[in-house]
Amino acid sequence: MAQRGGVQRVSDSAVTLPWVMAEVRRVDKAAGKVALKHGEIPNLDMPPMSMVFQVKTPAQLEVLQVGQKVRFQAVQENGAYWVVQIEATAL
């Protein structure tokens, strides 16, 4: 993974992204976006906050519900923040 000009690029090689804990705040299936209240995202140098992410695989949104606890992996590409993996966590 390389950063150039503040944009994180994910190479085709195996990259291990950190899993981040979050709570689902809103799901917009039509737009392919999810709002998350998340913990620190180390690979993006981002503190805990609430924000909207685009989702690489919109089908993952089908199983998400507001208030649900999840863990996810995110990257920054072309000025946008993307969820590349998201899954529910045990209560």
PDB file of N, CA and C in Angstrom:
ATOM      1  N   MET A   1       0.856  -1.167   0.000  1.00  0.00           N
ATOM      2  CA  MET A   1       0.000   0.000   0.000  1.00  0.00           C
ATOM      3  C   MET A   1       0.898   1.223   0.000  1.00  0.00           C
ATOM      4  N   ALA A   2       0.649   2.144  -0.865  1.00  0.00           N
ATOM      5  CA  ALA A   2       1.467   3.343  -0.951  1.00  0.00           C
ATOM      6  C   ALA A   2       0.597   4.578  -0.850  1.00  0.00           C
ATOM      7  N   GLN A   3       1.164   5.631  -0.302  1.00  0.00           N
ATOM      8  CA  GLN A   3       0.444   6.901  -0.246  1.00  0.00           C
ATOM      9  C   GLN A   3       1.198   7.905  -1.083  1.00  0.00           C
ATOM     10  N   ARG A   4       0.461   8.616  -1.905  1.00  0.00           N
ATOM     11  CA  ARG A   4       1.063   9.647  -2.734  1.00  0.00           C
ATOM     12  C   ARG A   4       0.071  10.793  -2.806  1.00  0.00           C
ATOM     13  N   GLY A   5       0.491  11.965  -2.415  1.00  0.00           N
ATOM     14  CA  GLY A   5      -0.378  13.131  -2.469  1.00  0.00           C
ATOM     15  C   GLY A   5      -1.602  13.009  -1.581  1.00  0.00           C
ATOM     16  N   GLY A   6      -1.483  12.286  -0.439  1.00  0.00           N
ATOM     17  CA  GLY A   6      -2.600  12.147   0.483  1.00  0.00           C
ATOM     18  C   GLY A   6      -3.624  11.116   0.056  1.00  0.00           C
ATOM     19  N   VAL A   7      -3.355  10.375  -1.021  1.00  0.00           N
ATOM     20  CA  VAL A   7      -4.288   9.364  -1.484  1.00  0.00           C
ATOM     21  C   VAL A   7      -3.660   8.000  -1.260  1.00  0.00           C
ATOM     22  N   GLN A   8      -4.394   7.137  -0.593  1.00  0.00           N
ATOM     23  CA  GLN A   8      -3.891   5.805  -0.328  1.00  0.00           C
ATOM     24  C   GLN A   8      -4.266   4.903  -1.500  1.00  0.00           C
ATOM     25  N   ARG A   9      -3.293   4.210  -2.023  1.00  0.00           N
ATOM     26  CA  ARG A   9      -3.545   3.306  -3.132  1.00  0.00           C
ATOM     27  C   ARG A   9      -3.341   1.871  -2.648  1.00  0.00           C
ATOM     28  N   VAL A  10      -4.243   1.004  -3.033  1.00  0.00           N
ATOM     29  CA  VAL A  10      -4.136  -0.397  -2.646  1.00  0.00           C
ATOM     30  C   VAL A  10      -3.593  -1.160  -3.838  1.00  0.00           C
ATOM     31  N   SER A  11      -2.478  -1.823  -3.649  1.00  0.00           N
ATOM     32  CA  SER A  11      -1.874  -2.577  -4.739  1.00  0.00           C
ATOM     33  C   SER A  11      -2.589  -3.918  -4.893  1.00  0.00           C
ATOM     34  N   ASP A  12      -2.258  -4.618  -5.971  1.00  0.00           N
ATOM     35  CA  ASP A  12      -2.849  -5.926  -6.218  1.00  0.00           C
ATOM     36  C   ASP A  12      -2.266  -6.996  -5.306  1.00  0.00           C
ATOM     37  N   SER A  13      -1.145  -6.705  -4.693  1.00  0.00           N
ATOM     38  CA  SER A  13      -0.538  -7.681  -3.792  1.00  0.00           C
ATOM     39  C   SER A  13      -1.364  -7.768  -2.508  1.00  0.00           C
ATOM     40  N   ALA A  14      -1.103  -8.823  -1.776  1.00  0.00           N
ATOM     41  CA  ALA A  14      -1.849  -9.033  -0.530  1.00  0.00           C
ATOM     42  C   ALA A  14      -1.558  -7.898   0.446  1.00  0.00           C
ATOM     43  N   VAL A  15      -2.589  -7.238   0.882  1.00  0.00           N
ATOM     44  CA  VAL A  15      -2.463  -6.125   1.816  1.00  0.00           C
ATOM     45  C   VAL A  15      -3.351  -6.426   3.011  1.00  0.00           C
ATOM     46  N   THR A  16      -2.803  -6.258   4.191  1.00  0.00           N
ATOM     47  CA  THR A  16      -3.588  -6.480   5.395  1.00  0.00           C
ATOM     48  C   THR A  16      -4.039  -5.136   5.939  1.00  0.00           C
ATOM     49  N   LEU A  17      -5.331  -4.873   5.838  1.00  0.00           N
ATOM     50  CA  LEU A  17      -5.907  -3.645   6.377  1.00  0.00           C
ATOM     51  C   LEU A  17      -6.406  -3.916   7.783  1.00  0.00           C
ATOM     52  N   PRO A  18      -6.349  -2.928   8.669  1.00  0.00           N
ATOM     53  CA  PRO A  18      -6.850  -3.135  10.026  1.00  0.00           C
ATOM     54  C   PRO A  18      -8.378  -3.222  10.036  1.00  0.00           C
ATOM     55  N   TRP A  19      -8.905  -4.051  10.929  1.00  0.00           N
ATOM     56  CA  TRP A  19     -10.350  -4.102  11.160  1.00  0.00           C
ATOM     57  C   TRP A  19     -10.688  -3.033  12.189  1.00  0.00           C
ATOM     58  N   VAL A  20     -11.755  -2.282  11.942  1.00  0.00           N
ATOM     59  CA  VAL A  20     -12.168  -1.180  12.809  1.00  0.00           C
ATOM     60  C   VAL A  20     -13.584  -1.438  13.296  1.00  0.00           C
ATOM     61  N   MET A  21     -13.815  -1.237  14.581  1.00  0.00           N
ATOM     62  CA  MET A  21     -15.152  -1.417  15.162  1.00  0.00           C
ATOM     63  C   MET A  21     -16.000  -0.174  14.879  1.00  0.00           C
ATOM     64  N   ALA A  22     -17.302  -0.396  14.665  1.00  0.00           N
ATOM     65  CA  ALA A  22     -18.193   0.722  14.349  1.00  0.00           C
ATOM     66  C   ALA A  22     -19.631   0.363  14.670  1.00  0.00           C
ATOM     67  N   GLU A  23     -20.475   1.393  14.640  1.00  0.00           N
ATOM     68  CA  GLU A  23     -21.922   1.223  14.757  1.00  0.00           C
ATOM     69  C   GLU A  23     -22.553   1.817  13.510  1.00  0.00           C
ATOM     70  N   VAL A  24     -23.490   1.075  12.923  1.00  0.00           N
ATOM     71  CA  VAL A  24     -24.179   1.551  11.720  1.00  0.00           C
ATOM     72  C   VAL A  24     -25.159   2.647  12.121  1.00  0.00           C
ATOM     73  N   ARG A  25     -25.047   3.801  11.495  1.00  0.00           N
ATOM     74  CA  ARG A  25     -25.934   4.933  11.764  1.00  0.00           C
ATOM     75  C   ARG A  25     -26.994   5.111  10.680  1.00  0.00           C
ATOM     76  N   ARG A  26     -26.622   4.778   9.428  1.00  0.00           N
ATOM     77  CA  ARG A  26     -27.569   4.927   8.310  1.00  0.00           C
ATOM     78  C   ARG A  26     -27.069   4.057   7.160  1.00  0.00           C
ATOM     79  N   VAL A  27     -28.020   3.487   6.413  1.00  0.00           N
ATOM     80  CA  VAL A  27     -27.702   2.672   5.240  1.00  0.00           C
ATOM     81  C   VAL A  27     -28.445   3.267   4.058  1.00  0.00           C
ATOM     82  N   ASP A  28     -27.722   3.594   2.992  1.00  0.00           N
ATOM     83  CA  ASP A  28     -28.321   4.127   1.767  1.00  0.00           C
ATOM     84  C   ASP A  28     -27.994   3.154   0.641  1.00  0.00           C
ATOM     85  N   LYS A  29     -28.866   2.154   0.472  1.00  0.00           N
ATOM     86  CA  LYS A  29     -28.624   1.112  -0.527  1.00  0.00           C
ATOM     87  C   LYS A  29     -28.607   1.676  -1.938  1.00  0.00           C
ATOM     88  N   ALA A  30     -29.481   2.630  -2.224  1.00  0.00           N
ATOM     89  CA  ALA A  30     -29.563   3.205  -3.576  1.00  0.00           C
ATOM     90  C   ALA A  30     -28.261   3.893  -3.974  1.00  0.00           C
ATOM     91  N   ALA A  31     -27.620   4.561  -3.022  1.00  0.00           N
ATOM     92  CA  ALA A  31     -26.378   5.288  -3.305  1.00  0.00           C
ATOM     93  C   ALA A  31     -25.125   4.439  -3.054  1.00  0.00           C
ATOM     94  N   GLY A  32     -25.300   3.254  -2.437  1.00  0.00           N
ATOM     95  CA  GLY A  32     -24.153   2.413  -2.126  1.00  0.00           C
ATOM     96  C   GLY A  32     -23.285   2.984  -1.029  1.00  0.00           C
ATOM     97  N   LYS A  33     -23.942   3.583   0.000  1.00  0.00           N
ATOM     98  CA  LYS A  33     -23.197   4.233   1.080  1.00  0.00           C
ATOM     99  C   LYS A  33     -23.702   3.775   2.445  1.00  0.00           C
ATOM    100  N   VAL A  34     -22.826   3.895   3.435  1.00  0.00           N
ATOM    101  CA  VAL A  34     -23.181   3.579   4.812  1.00  0.00           C
ATOM    102  C   VAL A  34     -22.556   4.635   5.727  1.00  0.00           C
ATOM    103  N   ALA A  35     -23.330   5.096   6.695  1.00  0.00           N
ATOM    104  CA  ALA A  35     -22.827   6.025   7.707  1.00  0.00           C
ATOM    105  C   ALA A  35     -22.438   5.202   8.935  1.00  0.00           C
ATOM    106  N   LEU A  36     -21.217   5.395   9.398  1.00  0.00           N
ATOM    107  CA  LEU A  36     -20.693   4.640  10.527  1.00  0.00           C
ATOM    108  C   LEU A  36     -20.150   5.572  11.599  1.00  0.00           C
ATOM    109  N   LYS A  37     -20.392   5.209  12.857  1.00  0.00           N
ATOM    110  CA  LYS A  37     -19.718   5.841  13.992  1.00  0.00           C
ATOM    111  C   LYS A  37     -18.596   4.875  14.331  1.00  0.00           C
ATOM    112  N   HIS A  38     -17.356   5.263  13.991  1.00  0.00           N
ATOM    113  CA  HIS A  38     -16.255   4.304  14.040  1.00  0.00           C
ATOM    114  C   HIS A  38     -15.143   4.718  14.983  1.00  0.00           C
ATOM    115  N   GLY A  39     -14.328   3.719  15.304  1.00  0.00           N
ATOM    116  CA  GLY A  39     -13.113   3.952  16.078  1.00  0.00           C
ATOM    117  C   GLY A  39     -12.012   4.468  15.166  1.00  0.00           C
ATOM    118  N   GLU A  40     -10.813   4.575  15.711  1.00  0.00           N
ATOM    119  CA  GLU A  40      -9.661   5.052  14.939  1.00  0.00           C
ATOM    120  C   GLU A  40      -9.402   4.133  13.744  1.00  0.00           C
ATOM    121  N   ILE A  41      -9.081   4.727  12.594  1.00  0.00           N
ATOM    122  CA  ILE A  41      -8.717   3.968  11.398  1.00  0.00           C
ATOM    123  C   ILE A  41      -7.233   4.244  11.152  1.00  0.00           C
ATOM    124  N   PRO A  42      -6.356   3.366  11.650  1.00  0.00           N
ATOM    125  CA  PRO A  42      -4.912   3.622  11.599  1.00  0.00           C
ATOM    126  C   PRO A  42      -4.357   3.831  10.191  1.00  0.00           C
ATOM    127  N   ASN A  43      -4.791   3.047   9.222  1.00  0.00           N
ATOM    128  CA  ASN A  43      -4.214   3.163   7.876  1.00  0.00           C
ATOM    129  C   ASN A  43      -4.630   4.450   7.171  1.00  0.00           C
ATOM    130  N   LEU A  44      -5.659   5.121   7.653  1.00  0.00           N
ATOM    131  CA  LEU A  44      -6.093   6.401   7.091  1.00  0.00           C
ATOM    132  C   LEU A  44      -5.698   7.571   7.986  1.00  0.00           C
ATOM    133  N   ASP A  45      -5.029   7.276   9.108  1.00  0.00           N
ATOM    134  CA  ASP A  45      -4.653   8.303  10.079  1.00  0.00           C
ATOM    135  C   ASP A  45      -5.879   9.126  10.467  1.00  0.00           C
ATOM    136  N   MET A  46      -6.976   8.414  10.782  1.00  0.00           N
ATOM    137  CA  MET A  46      -8.263   9.061  11.059  1.00  0.00           C
ATOM    138  C   MET A  46      -8.707   8.753  12.498  1.00  0.00           C
ATOM    139  N   PRO A  47      -9.026   9.786  13.275  1.00  0.00           N
ATOM    140  CA  PRO A  47      -9.495   9.564  14.645  1.00  0.00           C
ATOM    141  C   PRO A  47     -10.932   9.042  14.645  1.00  0.00           C
ATOM    142  N   PRO A  48     -11.416   8.589  15.800  1.00  0.00           N
ATOM    143  CA  PRO A  48     -12.811   8.151  15.890  1.00  0.00           C
ATOM    144  C   PRO A  48     -13.758   9.292  15.526  1.00  0.00           C
ATOM    145  N   MET A  49     -14.807   8.966  14.771  1.00  0.00           N
ATOM    146  CA  MET A  49     -15.810   9.951  14.364  1.00  0.00           C
ATOM    147  C   MET A  49     -16.974   9.246  13.692  1.00  0.00           C
ATOM    148  N   SER A  50     -17.958  10.007  13.280  1.00  0.00           N
ATOM    149  CA  SER A  50     -19.059   9.499  12.462  1.00  0.00           C
ATOM    150  C   SER A  50     -18.900  10.068  11.068  1.00  0.00           C
ATOM    151  N   MET A  51     -19.032   9.212  10.055  1.00  0.00           N
ATOM    152  CA  MET A  51     -18.918   9.682   8.675  1.00  0.00           C
ATOM    153  C   MET A  51     -19.551   8.691   7.712  1.00  0.00           C
ATOM    154  N   VAL A  52     -19.718   9.140   6.483  1.00  0.00           N
ATOM    155  CA  VAL A  52     -20.316   8.320   5.434  1.00  0.00           C
ATOM    156  C   VAL A  52     -19.211   7.750   4.556  1.00  0.00           C
ATOM    157  N   PHE A  53     -19.324   6.461   4.248  1.00  0.00           N
ATOM    158  CA  PHE A  53     -18.391   5.767   3.378  1.00  0.00           C
ATOM    159  C   PHE A  53     -19.128   5.219   2.169  1.00  0.00           C
ATOM    160  N   GLN A  54     -18.453   5.188   1.036  1.00  0.00           N
ATOM    161  CA  GLN A  54     -18.945   4.448  -0.105  1.00  0.00           C
ATOM    162  C   GLN A  54     -18.562   2.997   0.130  1.00  0.00           C
ATOM    163  N   VAL A  55     -19.308   2.074  -0.485  1.00  0.00           N
ATOM    164  CA  VAL A  55     -19.074   0.651  -0.268  1.00  0.00           C
ATOM    165  C   VAL A  55     -18.671   0.003  -1.584  1.00  0.00           C
ATOM    166  N   LYS A  56     -17.514  -0.676  -1.584  1.00  0.00           N
ATOM    167  CA  LYS A  56     -17.002  -1.319  -2.796  1.00  0.00           C
ATOM    168  C   LYS A  56     -17.955  -2.392  -3.317  1.00  0.00           C
ATOM    169  N   THR A  57     -18.577  -3.134  -2.405  1.00  0.00           N
ATOM    170  CA  THR A  57     -19.512  -4.197  -2.777  1.00  0.00           C
ATOM    171  C   THR A  57     -20.872  -3.859  -2.179  1.00  0.00           C
ATOM    172  N   PRO A  58     -21.723  -3.144  -2.926  1.00  0.00           N
ATOM    173  CA  PRO A  58     -23.017  -2.702  -2.386  1.00  0.00           C
ATOM    174  C   PRO A  58     -23.894  -3.828  -1.846  1.00  0.00           C
ATOM    175  N   ALA A  59     -23.705  -5.050  -2.300  1.00  0.00           N
ATOM    176  CA  ALA A  59     -24.490  -6.174  -1.784  1.00  0.00           C
ATOM    177  C   ALA A  59     -24.274  -6.356  -0.281  1.00  0.00           C
ATOM    178  N   GLN A  60     -23.133  -5.905   0.233  1.00  0.00           N
ATOM    179  CA  GLN A  60     -22.870  -6.014   1.669  1.00  0.00           C
ATOM    180  C   GLN A  60     -23.849  -5.180   2.486  1.00  0.00           C
ATOM    181  N   LEU A  61     -24.457  -4.166   1.884  1.00  0.00           N
ATOM    182  CA  LEU A  61     -25.402  -3.303   2.597  1.00  0.00           C
ATOM    183  C   LEU A  61     -26.716  -4.013   2.895  1.00  0.00           C
ATOM    184  N   GLU A  62     -27.021  -5.056   2.153  1.00  0.00           N
ATOM    185  CA  GLU A  62     -28.304  -5.759   2.289  1.00  0.00           C
ATOM    186  C   GLU A  62     -28.528  -6.319   3.689  1.00  0.00           C
ATOM    187  N   VAL A  63     -27.475  -6.665   4.391  1.00  0.00           N
ATOM    188  CA  VAL A  63     -27.618  -7.306   5.699  1.00  0.00           C
ATOM    189  C   VAL A  63     -27.404  -6.342   6.864  1.00  0.00           C
ATOM    190  N   LEU A  64     -27.097  -5.079   6.577  1.00  0.00           N
ATOM    191  CA  LEU A  64     -26.829  -4.110   7.645  1.00  0.00           C
ATOM    192  C   LEU A  64     -28.105  -3.451   8.129  1.00  0.00           C
ATOM    193  N   GLN A  65     -28.137  -3.170   9.439  1.00  0.00           N
ATOM    194  CA  GLN A  65     -29.264  -2.482  10.053  1.00  0.00           C
ATOM    195  C   GLN A  65     -28.752  -1.358  10.945  1.00  0.00           C
ATOM    196  N   VAL A  66     -29.510  -0.277  11.028  1.00  0.00           N
ATOM    197  CA  VAL A  66     -29.160   0.849  11.895  1.00  0.00           C
ATOM    198  C   VAL A  66     -29.042   0.347  13.334  1.00  0.00           C
ATOM    199  N   GLY A  67     -27.972   0.764  14.009  1.00  0.00           N
ATOM    200  CA  GLY A  67     -27.716   0.371  15.391  1.00  0.00           C
ATOM    201  C   GLY A  67     -26.866  -0.878  15.517  1.00  0.00           C
ATOM    202  N   GLN A  68     -26.650  -1.579  14.429  1.00  0.00           N
ATOM    203  CA  GLN A  68     -25.876  -2.812  14.433  1.00  0.00           C
ATOM    204  C   GLN A  68     -24.394  -2.522  14.658  1.00  0.00           C
ATOM    205  N   LYS A  69     -23.744  -3.382  15.436  1.00  0.00           N
ATOM    206  CA  LYS A  69     -22.298  -3.297  15.655  1.00  0.00           C
ATOM    207  C   LYS A  69     -21.615  -4.095  14.550  1.00  0.00           C
ATOM    208  N   VAL A  70     -20.602  -3.484  13.943  1.00  0.00           N
ATOM    209  CA  VAL A  70     -19.890  -4.116  12.836  1.00  0.00           C
ATOM    210  C   VAL A  70     -18.397  -3.900  12.998  1.00  0.00           C
ATOM    211  N   ARG A  71     -17.640  -4.599  12.174  1.00  0.00           N
ATOM    212  CA  ARG A  71     -16.228  -4.301  11.999  1.00  0.00           C
ATOM    213  C   ARG A  71     -16.027  -4.161  10.499  1.00  0.00           C
ATOM    214  N   PHE A  72     -15.085  -3.276  10.122  1.00  0.00           N
ATOM    215  CA  PHE A  72     -14.903  -3.004   8.705  1.00  0.00           C
ATOM    216  C   PHE A  72     -13.461  -2.652   8.392  1.00  0.00           C
ATOM    217  N   GLN A  73     -13.134  -2.687   7.102  1.00  0.00           N
ATOM    218  CA  GLN A  73     -11.842  -2.259   6.593  1.00  0.00           C
ATOM    219  C   GLN A  73     -12.109  -1.163   5.574  1.00  0.00           C
ATOM    220  N   ALA A  74     -11.285  -0.121   5.578  1.00  0.00           N
ATOM    221  CA  ALA A  74     -11.515   1.016   4.687  1.00  0.00           C
ATOM    222  C   ALA A  74     -10.215   1.480   4.036  1.00  0.00           C
ATOM    223  N   VAL A  75     -10.376   2.096   2.865  1.00  0.00           N
ATOM    224  CA  VAL A  75      -9.269   2.702   2.135  1.00  0.00           C
ATOM    225  C   VAL A  75      -9.729   4.052   1.601  1.00  0.00           C
ATOM    226  N   GLN A  76      -8.765   4.842   1.160  1.00  0.00           N
ATOM    227  CA  GLN A  76      -9.064   6.102   0.489  1.00  0.00           C
ATOM    228  C   GLN A  76      -8.576   5.981  -0.948  1.00  0.00           C
ATOM    229  N   GLU A  77      -9.464   6.258  -1.900  1.00  0.00           N
ATOM    230  CA  GLU A  77      -9.122   6.207  -3.320  1.00  0.00           C
ATOM    231  C   GLU A  77      -9.778   7.377  -4.034  1.00  0.00           C
ATOM    232  N   ASN A  78      -9.010   8.080  -4.822  1.00  0.00           N
ATOM    233  CA  ASN A  78      -9.536   9.195  -5.622  1.00  0.00           C
ATOM    234  C   ASN A  78     -10.333  10.196  -4.790  1.00  0.00           C
ATOM    235  N   GLY A  79      -9.858  10.476  -3.588  1.00  0.00           N
ATOM    236  CA  GLY A  79     -10.491  11.472  -2.739  1.00  0.00           C
ATOM    237  C   GLY A  79     -11.720  10.998  -1.990  1.00  0.00           C
ATOM    238  N   ALA A  80     -12.083   9.722  -2.126  1.00  0.00           N
ATOM    239  CA  ALA A  80     -13.264   9.187  -1.427  1.00  0.00           C
ATOM    240  C   ALA A  80     -12.827   8.084  -0.463  1.00  0.00           C
ATOM    241  N   TYR A  81     -13.606   7.902   0.584  1.00  0.00           N
ATOM    242  CA  TYR A  81     -13.364   6.839   1.556  1.00  0.00           C
ATOM    243  C   TYR A  81     -14.284   5.674   1.232  1.00  0.00           C
ATOM    244  N   TRP A  82     -13.699   4.471   1.146  1.00  0.00           N
ATOM    245  CA  TRP A  82     -14.419   3.274   0.736  1.00  0.00           C
ATOM    246  C   TRP A  82     -14.324   2.188   1.800  1.00  0.00           C
ATOM    247  N   VAL A  83     -15.442   1.529   2.065  1.00  0.00           N
ATOM    248  CA  VAL A  83     -15.449   0.310   2.861  1.00  0.00           C
ATOM    249  C   VAL A  83     -15.185  -0.830   1.880  1.00  0.00           C
ATOM    250  N   VAL A  84     -14.156  -1.610   2.149  1.00  0.00           N
ATOM    251  CA  VAL A  84     -13.842  -2.743   1.269  1.00  0.00           C
ATOM    252  C   VAL A  84     -14.372  -4.060   1.832  1.00  0.00           C
ATOM    253  N   GLN A  85     -14.530  -4.128   3.152  1.00  0.00           N
ATOM    254  CA  GLN A  85     -15.118  -5.300   3.813  1.00  0.00           C
ATOM    255  C   GLN A  85     -15.893  -4.784   5.021  1.00  0.00           C
ATOM    256  N   ILE A  86     -17.048  -5.406   5.284  1.00  0.00           N
ATOM    257  CA  ILE A  86     -17.811  -5.072   6.486  1.00  0.00           C
ATOM    258  C   ILE A  86     -18.573  -6.311   6.914  1.00  0.00           C
ATOM    259  N   GLU A  87     -18.596  -6.541   8.211  1.00  0.00           N
ATOM    260  CA  GLU A  87     -19.321  -7.704   8.734  1.00  0.00           C
ATOM    261  C   GLU A  87     -19.825  -7.408  10.136  1.00  0.00           C
ATOM    262  N   ALA A  88     -20.932  -8.060  10.491  1.00  0.00           N
ATOM    263  CA  ALA A  88     -21.532  -7.909  11.817  1.00  0.00           C
ATOM    264  C   ALA A  88     -20.615  -8.541  12.861  1.00  0.00           C
ATOM    265  N   THR A  89     -20.649  -7.985  14.058  1.00  0.00           N
ATOM    266  CA  THR A  89     -19.876  -8.563  15.153  1.00  0.00           C
ATOM    267  C   THR A  89     -20.829  -9.129  16.186  1.00  0.00           C
ATOM    268  N   ALA A  90     -20.323 -10.021  17.011  1.00  0.00           N
ATOM    269  CA  ALA A  90     -21.131 -10.604  18.086  1.00  0.00           C
ATOM    270  C   ALA A  90     -21.389  -9.526  19.135  1.00  0.00           C
ATOM    271  N   LEU A  91     -22.538  -9.604  19.770  1.00  0.00           N
ATOM    272  CA  LEU A  91     -22.899  -8.610  20.809  1.00  0.00           C
ATOM    273  C   LEU A  91     -22.079  -8.749  22.020  1.00  0.00           C
TER     274      LEU A  91
END
